[in-house]
Amino acid sequence: MKRSGPLFTLLAGLLLALFMLSLNVTEGARSTSTGSESSGDVVSASPTPTASPPSGKPSASPSPSPSASKTAVPNADYAGRTDDDSSAVAVTLRDGKAVAYFCDGKDQESWLKGDVKADGSMRLTGQNGNVLTGELKGKRISGTVDMGQRKYGFTADKAVKPSGLYRATATVRGAEVDGGWIVLPSGQQVGILNRAGKPSPAPRIDPETGAVTVDGQKLTAEPVTP
């Protein structure tokens, strides 16, 4: 019995040591496992994309390109007299083009032509440096005709057929004939007939048909367009 006491004591101590060693190993394994799991979570986690906050400013839309507002120039005829009442002026507008006729009904005349701007202004030129400068406002063209030796102011109102500008060209008895007529709104006619370059007062035309007789030959004066 005396020998078995120390032996049991030694055996109990050995068992206690084995138990403590086993306990330490188990705790170490748990710590390692926990550390691995934590490390795996950090590596596999991907950052969550964050939406950029709205700026609060609406996107700027392109500003419309400015477009010049153009005044439409009507196709129409205009006829009137000079400010001194000595002569007549007629202007015909078609598609931005203009033709005009200045006439004193005796021996002075000029045919002029050119472009009409969108604002109704015009500068028409003729032979011998003659120039008509005018501007369309409403139903009236006002301006001047520079005939070189003299400048005439004029006003031409919108003409309603048969008022307007007429012309006839032909060969009569071997001579070149060129006639121009302005039929005013009042019915008055102002015109010049050139026979081989020699001007003289023109005979009256029938404003409804344009019929006219020159040296016994019947001609037709047609409305003038650019």
Protein backbone atom coordinates (compact mmCIF):
# COMPACT_ATOMS: atom_id res chain seq x y z
CA MET A 1 0.00 0.00 0.00
CA LYS A 2 2.86 2.35 0.69
CA ARG A 3 4.32 1.72 -2.79
CA SER A 4 1.03 2.31 -4.58
CA GLY A 5 0.50 5.79 -3.10
CA PRO A 6 3.34 7.51 -4.90
CA LEU A 7 2.54 5.60 -8.07
CA PHE A 8 -1.03 6.84 -8.07
CA THR A 9 0.20 10.34 -7.38
CA LEU A 10 2.61 10.17 -10.34
CA LEU A 11 -0.08 8.75 -12.61
CA ALA A 12 -2.52 11.49 -11.59
CA GLY A 13 0.08 14.15 -12.34
CA LEU A 14 0.79 12.64 -15.75
CA LEU A 15 -2.90 12.57 -16.64
CA LEU A 16 -3.25 16.18 -15.55
CA ALA A 17 -0.31 17.18 -17.71
CA LEU A 18 -1.76 15.36 -20.72
CA PHE A 19 -5.11 17.06 -20.14
CA MET A 20 -3.56 20.51 -19.99
CA LEU A 21 -1.52 19.86 -23.15
CA SER A 22 -4.61 18.72 -25.00
CA LEU A 23 -6.48 21.82 -23.84
CA ASN A 24 -3.72 24.14 -25.10
CA VAL A 25 -3.64 22.47 -28.53
CA THR A 26 -7.42 22.78 -28.88
CA GLU A 27 -7.37 26.51 -28.00
CA GLY A 28 -4.55 27.14 -30.49
CA ALA A 29 -6.47 25.43 -33.30
CA ARG A 30 -9.54 27.55 -32.58
CA SER A 31 -7.51 30.78 -32.63
CA THR A 32 -5.88 29.83 -35.95
CA SER A 33 -9.26 28.99 -37.51
CA THR A 34 -10.75 32.28 -36.32
CA GLY A 35 -7.82 34.27 -37.71
CA SER A 36 -8.09 32.54 -41.11
CA GLU A 37 -11.78 33.25 -41.38
CA SER A 38 -11.26 36.91 -40.53
CA SER A 39 -8.45 37.20 -43.07
CA GLY A 40 -10.60 35.58 -45.76
CA ASP A 41 -13.41 38.02 -45.16
CA VAL A 42 -11.12 41.02 -45.69
CA VAL A 43 -9.61 39.71 -48.94
CA SER A 44 -12.85 38.66 -50.57
CA ALA A 45 -14.73 41.84 -49.72
CA SER A 46 -15.03 44.20 -52.71
CA PRO A 47 -15.68 47.90 -52.25
CA THR A 48 -19.22 48.97 -52.86
CA PRO A 49 -19.35 51.56 -55.65
CA THR A 50 -20.73 54.83 -54.44
CA ALA A 51 -22.97 56.85 -56.73
CA SER A 52 -21.71 60.36 -57.39
CA PRO A 53 -24.06 62.86 -55.82
CA PRO A 54 -26.18 64.83 -58.27
CA SER A 55 -24.72 68.21 -59.04
CA GLY A 56 -28.11 69.88 -58.78
CA LYS A 57 -27.51 71.72 -62.08
CA PRO A 58 -29.50 70.73 -65.16
CA SER A 59 -27.43 69.83 -68.17
CA ALA A 60 -27.07 72.81 -70.41
CA SER A 61 -28.93 72.41 -73.66
CA PRO A 62 -27.31 73.94 -76.75
CA SER A 63 -28.56 77.41 -77.38
CA PRO A 64 -30.37 77.78 -80.70
CA SER A 65 -28.33 79.45 -83.34
CA PRO A 66 -29.63 82.94 -84.01
CA SER A 67 -31.38 83.27 -87.30
CA ALA A 68 -31.83 86.64 -88.85
CA SER A 69 -35.41 87.51 -89.30
CA LYS A 70 -35.81 88.50 -92.91
CA THR A 71 -38.56 90.60 -94.31
CA ALA A 72 -40.24 88.99 -97.29
CA VAL A 73 -40.16 91.25 -100.34
CA PRO A 74 -43.42 90.75 -102.26
CA ASN A 75 -43.69 90.35 -105.99
CA ALA A 76 -45.50 93.51 -107.00
CA ASP A 77 -45.55 96.57 -109.27
CA TYR A 78 -45.19 100.19 -108.17
CA ALA A 79 -45.80 103.41 -110.08
CA GLY A 80 -45.71 107.09 -109.24
CA ARG A 81 -44.34 110.50 -110.05
CA THR A 82 -41.24 112.46 -109.12
CA ASP A 83 -41.47 115.01 -106.34
CA ASP A 84 -41.43 117.89 -108.85
CA ASP A 85 -44.18 116.18 -110.92
CA SER A 86 -42.03 116.42 -114.04
CA SER A 87 -41.53 112.70 -114.63
CA ALA A 88 -42.79 109.23 -113.72
CA VAL A 89 -41.12 106.21 -112.16
CA ALA A 90 -42.22 102.57 -112.20
CA VAL A 91 -40.61 99.63 -110.39
CA THR A 92 -41.37 95.93 -110.77
CA LEU A 93 -40.22 93.43 -108.14
CA ARG A 94 -39.94 89.70 -108.78
CA ASP A 95 -38.14 87.15 -106.58
CA GLY A 96 -35.64 89.61 -105.14
CA LYS A 97 -34.93 91.25 -108.50
CA ALA A 98 -36.09 94.67 -109.68
CA VAL A 99 -36.43 96.56 -112.94
CA ALA A 100 -37.35 100.24 -113.05
CA TYR A 101 -38.13 102.86 -115.66
CA PHE A 102 -37.71 106.61 -115.37
CA CYS A 103 -39.44 108.68 -118.02
CA ASP A 104 -40.39 112.33 -118.54
CA GLY A 105 -42.65 111.52 -121.50
CA LYS A 106 -40.59 113.68 -123.86
CA ASP A 107 -36.98 112.78 -124.48
CA GLN A 108 -35.45 111.64 -121.19
CA GLU A 109 -35.66 108.04 -119.98
CA SER A 110 -33.66 105.33 -118.28
CA TRP A 111 -34.09 101.60 -117.70
CA LEU A 112 -32.50 100.38 -114.48
CA LYS A 113 -32.17 96.99 -112.80
CA GLY A 114 -30.62 95.25 -109.80
CA ASP A 115 -31.27 93.29 -106.62
CA VAL A 116 -33.61 94.00 -103.73
CA LYS A 117 -32.30 93.30 -100.24
CA ALA A 118 -34.34 91.52 -97.58
CA ASP A 119 -35.03 94.82 -95.81
CA GLY A 120 -36.58 96.28 -98.99
CA SER A 121 -33.68 98.53 -99.93
CA MET A 122 -32.41 98.59 -103.52
CA ARG A 123 -29.78 100.20 -105.71
CA LEU A 124 -30.57 99.84 -109.39
CA THR A 125 -28.23 100.88 -112.17
CA GLY A 126 -28.74 101.81 -115.81
CA GLN A 127 -26.79 103.12 -118.77
CA ASN A 128 -24.69 106.31 -118.59
CA GLY A 129 -24.21 105.80 -114.84
CA ASN A 130 -27.85 106.40 -113.93
CA VAL A 131 -28.77 105.11 -110.46
CA LEU A 132 -32.05 104.55 -108.66
CA THR A 133 -31.81 104.25 -104.89
CA GLY A 134 -35.01 103.28 -103.10
CA GLU A 135 -36.59 101.51 -100.17
CA LEU A 136 -39.81 99.55 -99.95
CA LYS A 137 -41.90 100.35 -96.88
CA GLY A 138 -45.37 98.88 -96.72
CA LYS A 139 -47.04 99.51 -100.08
CA ARG A 140 -44.74 102.28 -101.25
CA ILE A 141 -41.25 102.72 -102.68
CA SER A 142 -39.53 106.02 -101.99
CA GLY A 143 -36.12 107.14 -103.20
CA THR A 144 -34.17 109.07 -105.80
CA VAL A 145 -33.16 108.69 -109.42
CA ASP A 146 -29.79 110.17 -110.31
CA MET A 147 -29.77 111.01 -114.01
CA GLY A 148 -26.30 112.51 -113.94
CA GLN A 149 -27.20 116.11 -114.60
CA ARG A 150 -30.01 116.04 -112.08
CA LYS A 151 -31.35 113.97 -109.19
CA TYR A 152 -35.08 113.36 -108.80
CA GLY A 153 -36.89 112.32 -105.65
CA PHE A 154 -39.89 110.04 -106.20
CA THR A 155 -42.66 108.06 -104.54
CA ALA A 156 -44.23 105.02 -106.22
CA ASP A 157 -47.31 103.37 -104.75
CA LYS A 158 -48.31 99.75 -105.26
CA ALA A 159 -49.99 99.47 -108.64
CA VAL A 160 -53.01 97.34 -109.49
CA LYS A 161 -53.41 96.14 -113.07
CA PRO A 162 -53.69 97.65 -115.57
CA SER A 163 -51.41 100.17 -113.84
CA GLY A 164 -47.73 99.33 -114.06
CA LEU A 165 -44.81 99.14 -116.45
CA TYR A 166 -45.00 98.08 -120.13
CA ARG A 167 -42.56 97.75 -123.01
CA ALA A 168 -42.70 96.93 -126.72
CA THR A 169 -39.81 96.25 -129.10
CA ALA A 170 -40.12 95.53 -132.81
CA THR A 171 -38.86 96.41 -136.26
CA VAL A 172 -41.20 98.83 -138.01
CA ARG A 173 -40.48 99.84 -141.62
CA GLY A 174 -36.87 98.80 -141.27
CA ALA A 175 -36.27 100.74 -138.05
CA GLU A 176 -35.74 99.34 -134.58
CA VAL A 177 -38.53 100.53 -132.30
CA ASP A 178 -38.34 100.44 -128.50
CA GLY A 179 -41.16 101.88 -126.43
CA GLY A 180 -41.63 102.17 -122.66
CA TRP A 181 -44.86 103.12 -120.86
CA ILE A 182 -45.77 103.84 -117.26
CA VAL A 183 -49.49 103.56 -116.56
CA LEU A 184 -50.20 105.43 -113.34
CA PRO A 185 -53.02 104.50 -110.91
CA SER A 186 -54.89 107.59 -112.12
CA GLY A 187 -54.94 106.15 -115.63
CA GLN A 188 -52.45 108.69 -116.96
CA GLN A 189 -49.73 107.31 -119.26
CA VAL A 190 -46.15 108.54 -119.52
CA GLY A 191 -43.93 107.00 -122.17
CA ILE A 192 -41.21 107.40 -124.77
CA LEU A 193 -40.86 105.69 -128.14
CA ASN A 194 -37.40 105.34 -129.61
CA ARG A 195 -37.13 104.98 -133.38
CA ALA A 196 -33.61 104.03 -134.31
CA GLY A 197 -32.38 105.66 -131.08
CA LYS A 198 -34.34 108.89 -131.49
CA PRO A 199 -36.75 109.49 -128.56
CA SER A 200 -40.21 111.02 -128.88
CA PRO A 201 -43.46 110.91 -126.85
CA ALA A 202 -45.02 107.45 -127.09
CA PRO A 203 -48.55 106.89 -128.44
CA ARG A 204 -51.11 105.62 -125.95
CA ILE A 205 -51.54 101.92 -125.39
CA ASP A 206 -54.70 100.06 -124.52
CA PRO A 207 -53.99 99.31 -120.85
CA GLU A 208 -56.26 96.26 -120.89
CA THR A 209 -54.54 94.55 -123.84
CA GLY A 210 -51.32 96.51 -124.37
CA ALA A 211 -52.25 97.10 -128.01
CA VAL A 212 -50.59 100.10 -129.68
CA THR A 213 -50.17 101.27 -133.27
CA VAL A 214 -46.76 102.57 -134.37
CA ASP A 215 -46.42 104.01 -137.87
CA GLY A 216 -49.44 102.03 -139.01
CA GLN A 217 -48.18 98.74 -137.54
CA LYS A 218 -49.94 97.12 -134.61
CA LEU A 219 -47.73 96.13 -131.67
CA THR A 220 -48.39 94.77 -128.21
CA ALA A 221 -46.77 96.29 -125.15
CA GLU A 222 -46.13 93.59 -122.55
CA PRO A 223 -45.85 93.97 -118.76
CA VAL A 224 -42.19 94.22 -117.78
CA THR A 225 -40.62 91.73 -115.35
CA PRO A 226 -36.98 91.40 -114.23
